[in-house]
Amino acid sequence: MRLALGGALEQIARRGGGLVEAISEVTADRTAHGRFLFSATVELFEDHAFERVRQVGKHAWIVSRTLEPA
């Protein structure tokens, strides 16, 4: 997932960049069910410079990052 996210971000930057958002689950100190991890974990997005924007569930967050054009 780490490689896939990195590759996707590279492609978005090559195509002009812009706002990238996702809804994901916090998994630190807990076990999350796989059905909630369809877009990776909040921690993985944070490793790629995303920031938490708004909590939308007990463990779910909207994360975002603005990419500059490559």
C-alpha atoms as a PDB file:
ATOM      1  CA  MET A   1       0.000   0.000   0.000  1.00  0.00           C
ATOM      2  CA  ARG A   2       2.912   2.322   0.767  1.00  0.00           C
ATOM      3  CA  LEU A   3       4.277   1.935  -2.778  1.00  0.00           C
ATOM      4  CA  ALA A   4       0.820   2.314  -4.327  1.00  0.00           C
ATOM      5  CA  LEU A   5       0.122   5.551  -2.464  1.00  0.00           C
ATOM      6  CA  GLY A   6       3.548   6.950  -3.318  1.00  0.00           C
ATOM      7  CA  GLY A   7       3.042   6.098  -6.981  1.00  0.00           C
ATOM      8  CA  ALA A   8      -0.424   7.619  -7.046  1.00  0.00           C
ATOM      9  CA  LEU A   9       0.878  10.848  -5.521  1.00  0.00           C
ATOM     10  CA  GLU A  10       3.638  11.017  -8.124  1.00  0.00           C
ATOM     11  CA  GLN A  11       1.083  10.612 -10.923  1.00  0.00           C
ATOM     12  CA  ILE A  12      -1.194  13.279  -9.457  1.00  0.00           C
ATOM     13  CA  ALA A  13       1.750  15.708  -9.240  1.00  0.00           C
ATOM     14  CA  ARG A  14       2.733  14.943 -12.867  1.00  0.00           C
ATOM     15  CA  ARG A  15      -0.823  15.685 -13.968  1.00  0.00           C
ATOM     16  CA  GLY A  16      -0.897  19.083 -12.325  1.00  0.00           C
ATOM     17  CA  GLY A  17      -1.185  18.346  -8.605  1.00  0.00           C
ATOM     18  CA  GLY A  18      -3.964  19.744  -6.461  1.00  0.00           C
ATOM     19  CA  LEU A  19      -5.955  18.712  -3.413  1.00  0.00           C
ATOM     20  CA  VAL A  20      -5.906  15.005  -2.552  1.00  0.00           C
ATOM     21  CA  GLU A  21      -8.277  13.681   0.125  1.00  0.00           C
ATOM     22  CA  ALA A  22      -9.122  10.303   1.611  1.00  0.00           C
ATOM     23  CA  ILE A  23     -11.218   8.866   4.401  1.00  0.00           C
ATOM     24  CA  SER A  24      -9.278   6.402   6.488  1.00  0.00           C
ATOM     25  CA  GLU A  25      -9.062   4.698   9.872  1.00  0.00           C
ATOM     26  CA  VAL A  26      -6.678   5.294  12.764  1.00  0.00           C
ATOM     27  CA  THR A  27      -5.042   1.996  13.709  1.00  0.00           C
ATOM     28  CA  ALA A  28      -2.530   3.092  16.373  1.00  0.00           C
ATOM     29  CA  ASP A  29      -2.995   1.036  19.529  1.00  0.00           C
ATOM     30  CA  ARG A  30      -5.947  -0.905  18.115  1.00  0.00           C
ATOM     31  CA  THR A  31      -6.838  -3.614  15.638  1.00  0.00           C
ATOM     32  CA  ALA A  32      -9.009  -2.370  12.787  1.00  0.00           C
ATOM     33  CA  HIS A  33     -11.206  -4.682  10.736  1.00  0.00           C
ATOM     34  CA  GLY A  34     -10.026  -5.039   7.146  1.00  0.00           C
ATOM     35  CA  ARG A  35     -13.345  -3.821   5.781  1.00  0.00           C
ATOM     36  CA  PHE A  36     -12.529  -0.358   7.157  1.00  0.00           C
ATOM     37  CA  LEU A  37      -9.089  -0.165   5.539  1.00  0.00           C
ATOM     38  CA  PHE A  38     -10.124   0.172   1.909  1.00  0.00           C
ATOM     39  CA  SER A  39      -7.932   3.283   1.499  1.00  0.00           C
ATOM     40  CA  ALA A  40      -5.008   2.502   3.843  1.00  0.00           C
ATOM     41  CA  THR A  41      -4.548   3.802   7.377  1.00  0.00           C
ATOM     42  CA  VAL A  42      -4.431   7.368   8.655  1.00  0.00           C
ATOM     43  CA  GLU A  43      -0.885   6.700   9.823  1.00  0.00           C
ATOM     44  CA  LEU A  44       0.215   5.709   6.315  1.00  0.00           C
ATOM     45  CA  PHE A  45      -1.301   8.872   4.862  1.00  0.00           C
ATOM     46  CA  GLU A  46       0.444  10.913   7.573  1.00  0.00           C
ATOM     47  CA  ASP A  47       3.740   9.267   6.554  1.00  0.00           C
ATOM     48  CA  HIS A  48       3.095  10.845   3.132  1.00  0.00           C
ATOM     49  CA  ALA A  49       2.535  14.360   4.590  1.00  0.00           C
ATOM     50  CA  PHE A  50      -1.269  14.219   4.765  1.00  0.00           C
ATOM     51  CA  GLU A  51      -2.955  16.032   7.653  1.00  0.00           C
ATOM     52  CA  ARG A  52      -6.084  15.102   9.557  1.00  0.00           C
ATOM     53  CA  VAL A  53      -8.863  17.490   8.549  1.00  0.00           C
ATOM     54  CA  ARG A  54     -12.040  16.238  10.200  1.00  0.00           C
ATOM     55  CA  GLN A  55     -13.085  13.237  12.241  1.00  0.00           C
ATOM     56  CA  VAL A  56     -16.074  11.517  10.612  1.00  0.00           C
ATOM     57  CA  GLY A  57     -16.416   8.416  12.789  1.00  0.00           C
ATOM     58  CA  LYS A  58     -15.112   6.889  15.989  1.00  0.00           C
ATOM     59  CA  HIS A  59     -11.777   6.079  14.300  1.00  0.00           C
ATOM     60  CA  ALA A  60     -12.321   7.539  10.812  1.00  0.00           C
ATOM     61  CA  TRP A  61     -10.753  10.753   9.569  1.00  0.00           C
ATOM     62  CA  ILE A  62     -10.708  12.775   6.396  1.00  0.00           C
ATOM     63  CA  VAL A  63      -7.068  13.416   5.564  1.00  0.00           C
ATOM     64  CA  SER A  64      -5.791  15.806   2.918  1.00  0.00           C
ATOM     65  CA  ARG A  65      -2.700  17.117   1.216  1.00  0.00           C
ATOM     66  CA  THR A  66      -2.181  19.635  -1.553  1.00  0.00           C
ATOM     67  CA  LEU A  67       0.365  18.552  -4.154  1.00  0.00           C
ATOM     68  CA  GLU A  68       2.357  20.979  -6.241  1.00  0.00           C
ATOM     69  CA  PRO A  69       2.662  20.219  -9.969  1.00  0.00           C
ATOM     70  CA  ALA A  70       5.769  18.185 -10.823  1.00  0.00           C
END
